[in-house]
Amino acid sequence: MSRGEKLSLDLGASWGEGWSLEEKKDTKVVKLLEPTEHRLVFQKEKRKGKIITLIGPFYLSEESAQSTLSKLKKSLACGGAYKESWMEFQGDIAPKVRENLEKMGFRFKNPK
């Protein structure tokens, strides 16, 4: 191939033969629940040598989950995030989070 020539990468069928690009959409159906119907669990992980407290799964709309998260972060004075129906908080703060979530009406699987 000499300089200036373009390499043709057309292999197999062409788009004109009925082929089309289809995007697969993630169709996750999540049933939204009231806070009293939740059964939350706690998990702890270590990330980069620091403890992270995970609480979930939450069955809330994105807006209500973000507002709940921001209320908790303000009352606990810690950082956190909401990812894939789980809330993540910096530090080992499970008893404090549990107390605040119970005030909001959430319930847990395992007793105190």
Protein backbone atom coordinates (compact mmCIF):
# COMPACT_ATOMS: atom_id res chain seq x y z
CA MET A 1 0.00 0.00 0.00
CA SER A 2 1.52 3.25 -1.05
CA ARG A 3 1.28 6.50 0.75
CA GLY A 4 -2.01 8.32 0.20
CA GLU A 5 -4.15 5.26 -0.49
CA LYS A 6 -6.96 4.50 1.94
CA LEU A 7 -7.31 1.03 3.37
CA SER A 8 -10.73 -0.47 2.74
CA LEU A 9 -12.11 -2.16 5.86
CA ASP A 10 -15.37 -3.32 4.30
CA LEU A 11 -15.75 -6.98 5.18
CA GLY A 12 -18.78 -9.19 4.84
CA ALA A 13 -22.26 -7.77 4.32
CA SER A 14 -22.91 -4.15 3.56
CA TRP A 15 -25.44 -1.89 5.22
CA GLY A 16 -27.50 -1.83 2.03
CA GLU A 17 -28.32 -5.55 2.30
CA GLY A 18 -30.81 -5.19 5.12
CA TRP A 19 -28.34 -4.92 8.00
CA SER A 20 -28.94 -2.24 10.57
CA LEU A 21 -27.35 -1.09 13.75
CA GLU A 22 -29.62 -1.85 16.70
CA GLU A 23 -28.96 -0.42 20.11
CA LYS A 24 -29.90 -2.64 23.00
CA LYS A 25 -31.60 -0.69 25.72
CA ASP A 26 -31.36 -1.75 29.33
CA THR A 27 -34.97 -2.25 30.33
CA LYS A 28 -34.78 -2.74 34.06
CA VAL A 29 -38.17 -2.63 35.71
CA VAL A 30 -37.89 -1.55 39.32
CA LYS A 31 -40.92 -1.64 41.56
CA LEU A 32 -41.03 1.50 43.69
CA LEU A 33 -41.84 0.92 47.37
CA GLU A 34 -42.82 3.07 50.30
CA PRO A 35 -40.15 3.48 53.02
CA THR A 36 -42.05 1.19 55.41
CA GLU A 37 -41.99 -1.64 52.84
CA HIS A 38 -38.20 -1.65 52.44
CA ARG A 39 -36.03 -4.36 53.99
CA LEU A 40 -32.56 -2.85 53.96
CA VAL A 41 -29.27 -4.57 54.76
CA PHE A 42 -25.83 -3.31 55.70
CA GLN A 43 -22.52 -4.27 54.11
CA LYS A 44 -19.00 -3.07 54.75
CA GLU A 45 -16.22 -2.88 52.19
CA LYS A 46 -12.68 -1.64 52.18
CA ARG A 47 -11.72 0.56 49.27
CA LYS A 48 -8.21 1.93 49.06
CA GLY A 49 -7.70 1.04 52.72
CA LYS A 50 -10.77 2.91 53.97
CA ILE A 51 -14.08 1.50 55.19
CA ILE A 52 -17.25 2.11 53.18
CA THR A 53 -20.72 1.40 54.60
CA LEU A 54 -23.22 0.15 52.01
CA ILE A 55 -26.98 0.21 52.63
CA GLY A 56 -29.61 -1.15 50.27
CA PRO A 57 -31.26 -2.16 48.09
CA PHE A 58 -33.49 0.89 47.84
CA TYR A 59 -36.58 0.75 45.64
CA LEU A 60 -37.06 4.49 45.21
CA SER A 61 -37.22 6.85 42.28
CA GLU A 62 -33.92 8.52 41.43
CA GLU A 63 -35.11 11.90 42.74
CA SER A 64 -36.36 10.61 46.10
CA ALA A 65 -33.22 8.48 46.56
CA GLN A 66 -30.99 11.50 45.92
CA SER A 67 -33.00 13.66 48.35
CA THR A 68 -32.82 10.92 51.02
CA LEU A 69 -29.08 10.64 50.44
CA SER A 70 -28.51 14.37 50.76
CA LYS A 71 -30.52 14.49 54.03
CA LEU A 72 -28.45 11.63 55.43
CA LYS A 73 -25.14 13.16 54.35
CA LYS A 74 -26.04 16.46 56.01
CA SER A 75 -27.18 14.85 59.27
CA LEU A 76 -24.17 12.50 59.45
CA ALA A 77 -21.57 15.00 58.19
CA CYS A 78 -19.99 12.50 55.81
CA GLY A 79 -19.65 11.88 52.10
CA GLY A 80 -21.68 9.38 50.16
CA ALA A 81 -23.13 8.31 46.83
CA TYR A 82 -26.14 6.50 45.37
CA LYS A 83 -25.19 3.77 42.87
CA GLU A 84 -27.33 0.96 41.47
CA SER A 85 -29.97 1.13 44.26
CA TRP A 86 -27.33 1.13 47.03
CA MET A 87 -26.21 4.06 49.16
CA GLU A 88 -22.51 4.27 49.97
CA PHE A 89 -21.19 6.24 52.93
CA GLN A 90 -17.63 7.01 53.92
CA GLY A 91 -16.62 5.43 57.21
CA ASP A 92 -17.98 2.82 59.58
CA ILE A 93 -21.21 4.61 60.53
CA ALA A 94 -23.83 1.85 60.36
CA PRO A 95 -25.50 2.58 63.76
CA LYS A 96 -25.90 6.29 63.00
CA VAL A 97 -27.29 5.62 59.52
CA ARG A 98 -29.69 3.02 60.87
CA GLU A 99 -31.02 5.45 63.48
CA ASN A 100 -31.58 8.19 60.88
CA LEU A 101 -33.22 5.86 58.36
CA GLU A 102 -35.56 4.46 61.04
CA LYS A 103 -36.65 8.04 61.79
CA MET A 104 -37.49 8.38 58.07
CA GLY A 105 -39.61 5.20 58.24
CA PHE A 106 -37.30 2.64 56.60
CA ARG A 107 -37.08 -0.91 57.95
CA PHE A 108 -34.24 -3.42 58.06
CA LYS A 109 -33.95 -7.17 57.55
CA ASN A 110 -31.89 -8.09 60.58
CA PRO A 111 -32.83 -6.79 64.04
CA LYS A 112 -30.51 -4.63 66.14
